[in-house]
């Protein structure tokens, strides 16, 4: 099975393989990552007259942005109540203000560039008692920071619910259309956009040297906009949990949902519509999330979404199935700032907890403001080295205890008769599903990868690195592929 998002299918890009362009050169700013954060940062800095090079490991939009449900919303499931449990009200207000500015900037940019934007109401709703408790907590948290949310006892959905909250005048987009407009704007302002250039090392300072297989770029500032930083400095891999979730698209005869819906139940469901390709409408259904590399196997998760949709939306015709990866910081807030205290020559951005369409733009605004000596009062709440980030330490400890368990379990799996990994003749865990033998040891920190049967990839259960069937890197924090075993 090949999983392709509806957005990638509608906006295919050529594979940037075989390029002979040499990257040895200088830039004022080097941005790593061709998603929403990276492109928006590049646009903002290039507009200010800075010489910017953007390096994307694969193709523009191949990461989280291209698999997004692309809800540009300030009502974000149960995110505000999650933050409220860890932080004072002032921090939650800063988070909302950052997202409000990110939303406003993006919608204005898209309208100015003729990119379609659909206005919709956003809903967080419940179908279970546990979900209902979460929704009521979100209602309280949202109202406490000034969001004008309304309670609805009934919702216009074809299955029973226990009520939910609604926020009007939110937005939805096609994320690849967003990235295409940003890329055109970046190039028009002189940004050197390079695809197929994976950064494997970042060294030094003044200048920072970014090493790729096609050469080295030197810059005064490096912005690592890869969601999970590809550098181990700062230990961000130990402060976030990688989360994989699934999406499906169905052609339907008319608009069957009137807004952007997300349930707060243990088995969450996300719904939104999108314009159809032949005058009809498209229903997008998401859910079945789990920690990357865990919860094996993965194919039944897609089947669960498929069966659920056919039960409640009879007549829906499946067109696409895909997945995406997000990162969930233990303290609930995104990371935007220096990779280490005082290291202003390398900035990182990520950890958007599945709400990157507003947070990514806010991150870019914060980074550009920092570099251009601007000031945004809310930006301090995103600083990865503020006292607020320490509020996640108890959860960090739990996350890393789980990682330790997965490390031990992974190395024992071949002894217990694993169906995807075995020990080779010299005692190295080796992947069974590859066309040629590759090591099953993740090149990041030595976890044993698991076979993802839905996507035909090797996924690390420690920190979310992913590799294709023959070992090439798909997602970081790993920067090197699985090693060949023969």
Protein backbone atom coordinates (compact mmCIF):
# COMPACT_ATOMS: atom_id res chain seq x y z
CA UNK A 1 0.00 0.00 0.00
CA UNK A 2 1.25 3.48 -0.89
CA UNK A 3 -0.16 6.22 1.32
CA UNK A 4 -0.45 9.63 -0.32
CA UNK A 5 -2.22 12.62 1.17
CA UNK A 6 -4.97 14.28 -0.82
CA UNK A 7 -2.88 17.46 -0.80
CA UNK A 8 0.19 15.81 -2.33
CA UNK A 9 -1.95 14.09 -4.94
CA UNK A 10 -3.57 17.37 -5.94
CA UNK A 11 -0.23 19.20 -6.06
CA UNK A 12 2.48 16.73 -7.13
CA UNK A 13 6.09 17.86 -7.06
CA UNK A 14 8.99 16.30 -8.97
CA UNK A 15 11.43 14.29 -6.90
CA UNK A 16 14.62 16.39 -6.53
CA UNK A 17 16.97 13.44 -6.92
CA UNK A 18 20.14 13.51 -9.00
CA UNK A 19 20.74 17.26 -8.74
CA UNK A 20 24.35 18.22 -9.33
CA UNK A 21 24.08 21.65 -7.72
CA UNK A 22 26.95 22.26 -5.33
CA UNK A 23 25.94 23.98 -2.11
CA UNK A 24 29.28 25.38 -1.01
CA UNK A 25 28.57 29.03 -0.26
CA UNK A 26 27.55 31.67 2.24
CA UNK A 27 24.26 33.09 3.46
CA UNK A 28 23.18 35.41 6.22
CA UNK A 29 20.55 32.89 7.28
CA UNK A 30 20.24 29.17 6.57
CA UNK A 31 16.80 27.66 7.23
CA UNK A 32 16.55 23.87 7.56
CA UNK A 33 13.11 22.50 6.69
CA UNK A 34 10.68 23.22 3.86
CA UNK A 35 7.44 23.17 5.81
CA UNK A 36 5.26 26.01 7.06
CA UNK A 37 7.75 27.17 9.72
CA UNK A 38 10.75 27.17 7.41
CA UNK A 39 9.10 28.87 4.44
CA UNK A 40 7.38 31.54 6.54
CA UNK A 41 10.67 32.29 8.33
CA UNK A 42 12.46 32.53 4.99
CA UNK A 43 9.83 34.92 3.61
CA UNK A 44 9.90 37.20 6.66
CA UNK A 45 13.70 37.46 6.73
CA UNK A 46 14.05 37.84 2.96
CA UNK A 47 11.48 40.63 2.97
CA UNK A 48 13.73 42.38 5.49
CA UNK A 49 16.62 42.19 3.01
CA UNK A 50 18.47 39.18 4.44
CA UNK A 51 20.23 36.65 2.19
CA UNK A 52 18.49 33.35 2.96
CA UNK A 53 19.15 29.76 1.87
CA UNK A 54 16.47 27.17 2.63
CA UNK A 55 17.51 23.50 2.73
CA UNK A 56 14.86 20.77 2.49
CA UNK A 57 15.88 17.12 2.87
CA UNK A 58 13.25 15.83 0.45
CA UNK A 59 10.60 18.01 -1.21
CA UNK A 60 8.72 21.08 -0.04
CA UNK A 61 5.79 19.84 2.06
CA UNK A 62 6.99 16.24 2.48
CA UNK A 63 6.93 16.58 6.27
CA UNK A 64 4.19 17.36 8.76
CA UNK A 65 2.63 20.28 6.87
CA UNK A 66 1.84 18.22 3.78
CA UNK A 67 -0.04 15.65 5.85
CA UNK A 68 -1.94 18.15 7.97
CA UNK A 69 -5.71 18.47 8.26
CA UNK A 70 -4.88 22.18 7.83
CA UNK A 71 -7.27 23.65 10.37
CA UNK A 72 -6.22 27.24 11.02
CA UNK A 73 -8.03 27.45 14.34
CA UNK A 74 -7.69 28.94 17.81
CA UNK A 75 -9.96 26.22 19.20
CA UNK A 76 -7.55 23.30 19.23
CA UNK A 77 -9.21 20.23 20.67
CA UNK A 78 -8.26 20.20 24.35
CA UNK A 79 -4.94 22.03 23.95
CA UNK A 80 -5.79 25.03 26.15
CA UNK A 81 -6.88 22.93 29.11
CA UNK A 82 -3.74 20.81 28.67
CA UNK A 83 -1.58 23.93 28.87
CA UNK A 84 -3.65 25.32 31.76
CA UNK A 85 -2.87 22.30 33.90
CA UNK A 86 0.84 23.07 33.68
CA UNK A 87 1.07 26.85 33.39
CA UNK A 88 -0.38 30.05 34.86
CA UNK A 89 -3.10 31.94 33.03
CA UNK A 90 -0.60 34.50 31.69
CA UNK A 91 1.22 31.76 29.77
CA UNK A 92 -2.02 30.44 28.30
CA UNK A 93 -2.93 33.97 27.24
CA UNK A 94 0.45 34.30 25.53
CA UNK A 95 -0.15 31.03 23.71
CA UNK A 96 -3.53 32.23 22.44
CA UNK A 97 -2.15 35.61 21.41
CA UNK A 98 0.71 33.94 19.52
CA UNK A 99 -1.73 31.71 17.67
CA UNK A 100 -4.04 34.64 16.99
CA UNK A 101 -1.17 36.58 15.38
CA UNK A 102 -0.09 33.50 13.43
CA UNK A 103 -3.62 32.93 12.17
CA UNK A 104 -4.10 36.58 11.19
CA UNK A 105 -0.77 36.75 9.36
CA UNK A 106 -1.43 33.57 7.40
CA UNK A 107 -5.01 34.41 6.40
CA UNK A 108 -3.96 37.89 5.30
CA UNK A 109 -1.03 36.49 3.28
CA UNK A 110 -3.25 33.93 1.55
CA UNK A 111 -5.95 36.45 0.71
CA UNK A 112 -3.33 38.82 -0.74
CA UNK A 113 -1.94 36.01 -2.90
CA UNK A 114 -5.27 34.64 -4.11
CA UNK A 115 -5.05 31.32 -2.23
CA UNK A 116 -8.48 29.89 -1.32
CA UNK A 117 -9.42 30.05 2.37
CA UNK A 118 -12.68 28.63 3.72
CA UNK A 119 -14.16 30.13 6.87
CA UNK A 120 -15.70 27.55 9.20
CA UNK A 121 -16.74 27.20 12.81
CA UNK A 122 -14.46 24.98 14.91
CA UNK A 123 -15.88 22.42 17.34
CA UNK A 124 -14.47 20.33 20.18
CA UNK A 125 -17.05 17.70 21.11
CA UNK A 126 -17.58 14.50 23.07
CA UNK A 127 -19.23 11.14 22.51
CA UNK A 128 -18.27 9.62 25.88
CA UNK A 129 -18.44 10.70 29.52
CA UNK A 130 -14.65 11.00 29.74
CA UNK A 131 -14.66 13.10 26.60
CA UNK A 132 -17.40 15.29 28.06
CA UNK A 133 -15.29 16.08 31.11
CA UNK A 134 -12.43 17.12 28.85
CA UNK A 135 -14.67 19.33 26.72
CA UNK A 136 -16.06 21.12 29.79
CA UNK A 137 -12.48 21.71 30.98
CA UNK A 138 -11.65 23.16 27.59
CA UNK A 139 -14.70 25.42 27.74
CA UNK A 140 -13.50 26.80 31.07
CA UNK A 141 -9.92 27.26 29.88
CA UNK A 142 -10.96 28.95 26.63
CA UNK A 143 -13.30 31.40 28.32
CA UNK A 144 -10.68 32.21 30.97
CA UNK A 145 -8.36 33.58 28.25
CA UNK A 146 -11.00 35.45 26.31
CA UNK A 147 -12.02 33.07 23.51
CA UNK A 148 -15.72 33.52 22.72
CA UNK A 149 -16.72 29.86 22.70
CA UNK A 150 -20.33 28.70 22.97
CA UNK A 151 -21.69 25.49 24.43
CA UNK A 152 -23.85 23.34 22.13
CA UNK A 153 -25.98 20.53 23.55
CA UNK A 154 -26.53 19.07 20.08
CA UNK A 155 -24.32 19.02 17.01
CA UNK A 156 -25.15 18.50 13.36
CA UNK A 157 -23.42 15.12 13.13
CA UNK A 158 -24.86 11.74 12.05
CA UNK A 159 -23.97 9.96 15.31
CA UNK A 160 -24.77 10.50 19.00
CA UNK A 161 -22.77 13.14 20.87
CA UNK A 162 -22.86 14.54 24.39
CA UNK A 163 -22.39 18.13 23.29
CA UNK A 164 -19.46 20.35 22.51
CA UNK A 165 -18.07 23.85 22.20
CA UNK A 166 -17.97 26.08 19.13
CA UNK A 167 -15.73 28.95 18.06
CA UNK A 168 -16.89 30.91 15.02
CA UNK A 169 -14.84 32.50 12.23
CA UNK A 170 -11.99 30.02 12.02
CA UNK A 171 -10.40 28.79 8.80
CA UNK A 172 -9.33 25.78 6.77
CA UNK A 173 -6.98 25.58 3.79
CA UNK A 174 -5.15 23.26 1.42
CA UNK A 175 -1.68 23.16 3.04
CA UNK A 176 0.19 22.52 -0.21
CA UNK A 177 -1.42 25.60 -1.76
CA UNK A 178 -0.17 27.52 1.26
CA UNK A 179 3.38 26.22 0.83
CA UNK A 180 3.38 26.89 -2.92
CA UNK A 181 2.39 30.53 -2.34
CA UNK A 182 5.06 30.92 0.34
CA UNK A 183 7.70 29.31 -1.87
CA UNK A 184 6.87 31.67 -4.74
CA UNK A 185 7.07 34.65 -2.39
CA UNK A 186 10.38 33.40 -0.97
CA UNK A 187 11.95 32.94 -4.38
CA UNK A 188 10.66 36.35 -5.52
CA UNK A 189 12.59 37.91 -2.63
CA UNK A 190 15.80 36.05 -3.47
CA UNK A 191 15.61 33.02 -1.17
CA UNK A 192 17.73 30.15 -2.48
CA UNK A 193 15.41 27.15 -2.07
CA UNK A 194 17.17 23.79 -2.35
CA UNK A 195 15.30 20.47 -2.22
CA UNK A 196 16.94 17.06 -1.82
CA UNK A 197 19.62 18.47 0.51
CA UNK A 198 19.50 16.72 3.87
CA UNK A 199 21.52 18.46 6.56
CA UNK A 200 23.57 15.86 8.43
CA UNK A 201 25.72 18.03 10.69
CA UNK A 202 25.72 21.58 12.03
CA UNK A 203 29.05 22.83 13.34
CA UNK A 204 30.71 25.91 14.72
CA UNK A 205 29.55 29.46 15.22
CA UNK A 206 30.22 32.75 13.46
CA UNK A 207 29.75 31.27 10.94
CA UNK A 208 27.62 28.19 11.47
CA UNK A 209 28.49 25.43 8.99
CA UNK A 210 25.66 23.22 7.76
CA UNK A 211 26.95 20.01 6.17
CA UNK A 212 24.95 18.16 3.50
CA UNK A 213 25.92 15.40 1.06
CA UNK A 214 26.06 18.13 -1.61
CA UNK A 215 28.33 20.54 0.17
CA UNK A 216 28.47 22.94 3.09
CA UNK A 217 26.55 26.16 3.60
CA UNK A 218 27.93 28.80 5.96
CA UNK A 219 25.61 31.25 7.69
CA UNK A 220 25.53 33.71 10.53
CA UNK A 221 22.23 32.23 11.73
CA UNK A 222 20.87 28.69 11.35
CA UNK A 223 17.15 28.07 11.91
CA UNK A 224 16.34 24.39 12.48
CA UNK A 225 12.67 24.30 11.45
CA UNK A 226 12.23 20.52 11.43
CA UNK A 227 9.62 20.25 14.21
CA UNK A 228 11.83 17.76 16.08
CA UNK A 229 15.35 19.29 15.95
CA UNK A 230 17.83 17.16 14.01
CA UNK A 231 20.55 18.12 16.53
CA UNK A 232 20.83 16.36 19.88
CA UNK A 233 22.11 19.52 21.56
CA UNK A 234 19.44 20.67 23.98
CA UNK A 235 17.96 17.19 24.37
CA UNK A 236 14.70 18.09 22.64
CA UNK A 237 14.22 14.41 21.70
CA UNK A 238 13.83 13.75 25.45
CA UNK A 239 11.33 16.57 25.91
CA UNK A 240 8.78 15.58 23.28
CA UNK A 241 6.83 12.49 22.30
CA UNK A 242 6.45 11.66 18.58
CA UNK A 243 2.82 11.08 17.59
CA UNK A 244 1.58 9.47 14.39
CA UNK A 245 -2.03 9.83 13.24
CA UNK A 246 -4.00 8.90 10.14
CA UNK A 247 -6.22 10.65 7.64
CA UNK A 248 -8.56 9.55 4.89
CA UNK A 249 -10.43 11.43 2.17
CA UNK A 250 -13.85 10.45 0.82
CA UNK A 251 -15.84 11.87 -2.06
CA UNK A 252 -19.40 12.64 -0.92
CA UNK A 253 -22.40 13.99 -2.88
CA UNK A 254 -22.62 17.24 -0.90
CA UNK A 255 -21.30 19.00 2.18
CA UNK A 256 -21.90 16.50 4.98
CA UNK A 257 -20.20 18.46 7.78
CA UNK A 258 -20.68 22.16 8.40
CA UNK A 259 -17.48 22.90 10.33
CA UNK A 260 -14.16 21.60 11.61
CA UNK A 261 -14.79 18.96 14.27
CA UNK A 262 -12.45 17.22 16.72
CA UNK A 263 -13.60 14.86 19.44
CA UNK A 264 -12.03 14.79 22.90
CA UNK A 265 -12.65 11.07 23.37
CA UNK A 266 -9.99 8.39 23.89
CA UNK A 267 -10.49 7.29 20.27
CA UNK A 268 -10.55 10.72 18.67
CA UNK A 269 -12.17 11.63 15.36
CA UNK A 270 -11.37 14.68 13.25
CA UNK A 271 -13.73 15.90 10.53
CA UNK A 272 -13.68 18.69 7.95
CA UNK A 273 -14.75 19.19 4.37
CA UNK A 274 -12.69 20.26 1.36
CA UNK A 275 -13.66 21.31 -2.15
CA UNK A 276 -14.17 18.33 -4.43
CA UNK A 277 -12.41 17.98 -7.78
CA UNK A 278 -15.56 17.50 -9.87
CA UNK A 279 -18.09 19.86 -8.31
CA UNK A 280 -18.87 17.68 -5.31
CA UNK A 281 -17.39 17.77 -1.84
CA UNK A 282 -14.65 15.88 -0.03
CA UNK A 283 -14.92 14.63 3.54
CA UNK A 284 -11.67 14.37 5.50
CA UNK A 285 -11.64 11.94 8.44
CA UNK A 286 -8.74 11.64 10.86
CA UNK A 287 -7.80 9.85 14.05
CA UNK A 288 -6.32 6.60 15.40
CA UNK A 289 -3.25 8.38 16.78
CA UNK A 290 -0.45 6.58 18.62
CA UNK A 291 3.16 7.05 19.62
CA UNK A 292 5.36 6.51 16.58
CA UNK A 293 6.82 3.00 16.41
CA UNK A 294 4.46 1.69 19.08
CA UNK A 295 0.96 0.26 18.90
CA UNK A 296 1.95 -2.28 16.25
CA UNK A 297 0.49 -3.10 13.69
CA UNK A 298 -0.66 0.05 11.88
CA UNK A 299 -2.84 -1.15 8.98
CA UNK A 300 -5.83 -1.92 11.25
CA UNK A 301 -5.90 1.73 12.29
CA UNK A 302 -6.72 2.79 8.76
CA UNK A 303 -9.30 0.04 8.52
CA UNK A 304 -10.93 1.32 11.70
CA UNK A 305 -11.27 4.80 10.18
CA UNK A 306 -12.61 3.29 6.97
CA UNK A 307 -15.29 1.21 8.71
CA UNK A 308 -16.30 4.08 11.00
CA UNK A 309 -16.78 6.40 8.01
CA UNK A 310 -18.85 3.88 6.07
CA UNK A 311 -21.07 3.35 9.11
CA UNK A 312 -21.89 7.01 9.67
CA UNK A 313 -21.45 8.44 6.17
CA UNK A 314 -22.88 5.72 3.89
CA UNK A 315 -22.11 6.30 0.24
CA UNK A 316 -18.76 7.98 0.92
CA UNK A 317 -16.17 6.83 -1.63
CA UNK A 318 -12.59 6.56 -0.43
CA UNK A 319 -9.99 8.40 -2.51
CA UNK A 320 -6.91 8.81 -0.30
CA UNK A 321 -5.31 7.49 2.88
CA UNK A 322 -2.22 8.90 4.57
CA UNK A 323 -0.55 9.66 7.87
CA UNK A 324 1.42 12.46 9.47
CA UNK A 325 3.81 12.91 12.36
CA UNK A 326 3.62 15.53 15.09
CA UNK A 327 5.51 16.11 18.33
CA UNK A 328 3.98 16.61 21.77
CA UNK A 329 6.16 18.55 24.25
CA UNK A 330 5.80 17.38 27.85
CA UNK A 331 5.15 20.93 29.10
CA UNK A 332 2.50 21.54 26.42
CA UNK A 333 4.09 24.60 24.78
CA UNK A 334 5.98 24.85 21.48
CA UNK A 335 9.75 25.33 21.51
CA UNK A 336 10.98 28.47 19.71
CA UNK A 337 14.39 29.87 20.54
CA UNK A 338 18.08 29.01 20.94
CA UNK A 339 19.12 25.38 20.85
CA UNK A 340 21.15 26.01 24.03
CA UNK A 341 21.04 28.96 26.40
CA UNK A 342 23.04 31.79 24.86
CA UNK A 343 23.45 30.03 21.49
CA UNK A 344 21.63 32.64 19.41
CA UNK A 345 23.40 31.51 16.24
CA UNK A 346 21.26 28.32 16.13
CA UNK A 347 17.52 28.64 16.70
CA UNK A 348 15.00 25.79 16.77
CA UNK A 349 11.24 25.68 16.33
CA UNK A 350 8.79 22.83 16.76
CA UNK A 351 6.63 20.83 19.14
CA UNK A 352 3.29 22.18 17.94
CA UNK A 353 1.14 19.37 19.41
CA UNK A 354 -0.73 18.90 16.09
CA UNK A 355 -1.61 22.60 15.73
CA UNK A 356 1.11 23.79 13.39
CA UNK A 357 -1.01 25.87 11.01
CA UNK A 358 -1.08 28.68 13.57
CA UNK A 359 1.88 27.77 15.80
CA UNK A 360 4.32 27.42 12.91
CA UNK A 361 3.57 30.92 11.66
CA UNK A 362 3.78 32.27 15.21
CA UNK A 363 7.18 30.57 15.53
CA UNK A 364 8.38 32.22 12.32
CA UNK A 365 7.18 35.61 13.59
CA UNK A 366 9.04 35.06 16.86
CA UNK A 367 12.25 34.00 15.10
CA UNK A 368 12.20 36.91 12.66
CA UNK A 369 11.44 39.32 15.48
CA UNK A 370 14.35 37.98 17.50
CA UNK A 371 16.80 38.24 14.59
CA UNK A 372 15.54 41.66 13.44
CA UNK A 373 15.43 43.13 16.97
CA UNK A 374 11.65 43.17 17.06
CA UNK A 375 9.60 42.59 20.19
CA UNK A 376 6.60 40.36 20.72
CA UNK A 377 5.39 40.10 24.28
CA UNK A 378 4.13 36.56 23.84
CA UNK A 379 7.36 35.17 22.38
CA UNK A 380 8.97 34.58 25.78
CA UNK A 381 6.39 31.91 26.57
CA UNK A 382 7.82 29.79 23.72
CA UNK A 383 11.44 30.08 24.88
CA UNK A 384 12.80 26.53 25.33
CA UNK A 385 14.97 27.60 28.27
CA UNK A 386 12.45 29.63 30.27
CA UNK A 387 11.30 28.54 33.70
CA UNK A 388 7.98 27.62 32.07
CA UNK A 389 9.66 24.79 30.16
CA UNK A 390 10.73 23.25 33.49
CA UNK A 391 7.08 22.54 34.28
CA UNK A 392 7.33 19.57 31.96
CA UNK A 393 10.11 17.85 33.92
CA UNK A 394 7.84 15.31 35.72
CA UNK A 395 6.29 14.32 32.40
CA UNK A 396 9.74 14.29 30.76
CA UNK A 397 10.79 11.69 33.34
CA UNK A 398 7.79 9.52 32.49
CA UNK A 399 8.36 9.85 28.75
CA UNK A 400 12.00 8.84 29.10
CA UNK A 401 11.11 5.91 31.36
CA UNK A 402 8.85 4.68 28.55
CA UNK A 403 11.73 5.18 26.11
CA UNK A 404 13.96 3.04 28.35
CA UNK A 405 11.38 0.27 28.38
CA UNK A 406 11.12 0.40 24.58
CA UNK A 407 14.90 0.24 24.25
CA UNK A 408 15.11 -2.96 26.31
CA UNK A 409 12.05 -4.48 24.68
CA UNK A 410 13.42 -3.76 21.22
CA UNK A 411 16.74 -5.51 21.82
CA UNK A 412 14.90 -8.52 23.26
CA UNK A 413 12.44 -8.82 20.37
CA UNK A 414 14.67 -10.96 18.09
CA UNK A 415 15.18 -13.42 20.96
CA UNK A 416 11.40 -13.66 21.45
CA UNK A 417 10.71 -14.54 17.83
CA UNK A 418 9.91 -11.13 16.33
CA UNK A 419 8.19 -11.23 12.95
CA UNK A 420 10.05 -8.18 11.56
CA UNK A 421 13.58 -8.28 13.10
CA UNK A 422 16.10 -11.07 13.60
CA UNK A 423 19.73 -11.42 14.72
CA UNK A 424 22.16 -11.89 11.84
CA UNK A 425 25.14 -14.23 11.99
CA UNK A 426 27.25 -11.74 13.94
CA UNK A 427 24.54 -10.89 16.42
CA UNK A 428 23.21 -7.60 15.02
CA UNK A 429 19.44 -6.97 14.90
CA UNK A 430 18.57 -6.94 11.20
CA UNK A 431 15.42 -5.87 9.36
CA UNK A 432 13.54 -8.64 7.57
CA UNK A 433 11.38 -6.62 5.17
CA UNK A 434 14.13 -4.82 3.22
CA UNK A 435 15.12 -5.74 -0.32
CA UNK A 436 18.71 -5.88 0.91
CA UNK A 437 19.76 -6.48 4.47
CA UNK A 438 19.89 -3.40 6.69
CA UNK A 439 20.50 -3.04 10.38
CA UNK A 440 17.40 -2.64 12.55
CA UNK A 441 19.31 -0.33 14.90
CA UNK A 442 18.17 3.30 14.63
CA UNK A 443 21.09 5.58 13.82
CA UNK A 444 19.88 8.21 16.27
CA UNK A 445 20.26 6.59 19.71
CA UNK A 446 20.21 2.86 19.06
CA UNK A 447 16.57 1.89 19.37
CA UNK A 448 15.31 -1.14 17.43
CA UNK A 449 12.97 -0.06 14.65
CA UNK A 450 9.55 -1.61 14.03
CA UNK A 451 7.94 -2.40 10.70
CA UNK A 452 5.04 -0.07 9.84
CA UNK A 453 2.88 -2.29 7.65
CA UNK A 454 0.53 0.50 6.52
CA UNK A 455 3.33 2.74 5.21
CA UNK A 456 6.05 0.16 4.54
CA UNK A 457 8.54 2.01 6.69
CA UNK A 458 10.79 1.31 9.66
CA UNK A 459 9.74 3.43 12.65
CA UNK A 460 11.78 3.93 15.81
CA UNK A 461 9.72 3.65 19.01
CA UNK A 462 12.18 5.81 20.98
CA UNK A 463 12.08 9.26 19.37
CA UNK A 464 10.17 8.83 16.13
CA UNK A 465 12.87 8.55 13.47
CA UNK A 466 11.51 6.84 10.36
CA UNK A 467 13.21 5.06 7.45
CA UNK A 468 11.95 3.63 4.16
CA UNK A 469 11.93 -0.11 3.48
CA UNK A 470 15.57 -0.03 2.39
CA UNK A 471 16.77 2.13 5.26
CA UNK A 472 16.83 5.69 3.86
CA UNK A 473 15.79 8.45 6.30
CA UNK A 474 12.21 9.66 6.03
CA UNK A 475 11.97 11.69 9.26
CA UNK A 476 14.38 12.77 11.98
CA UNK A 477 15.86 13.22 14.46
CA UNK A 478 18.06 10.64 12.71
CA UNK A 479 20.10 12.14 9.88
CA UNK A 480 21.72 8.91 8.60
CA UNK A 481 20.00 5.88 7.12
CA UNK A 482 19.97 2.35 8.56
CA UNK A 483 23.32 0.71 7.95
CA UNK A 484 23.69 -1.94 5.25
CA UNK A 485 24.30 -5.49 6.47
CA UNK A 486 25.46 -7.02 3.24
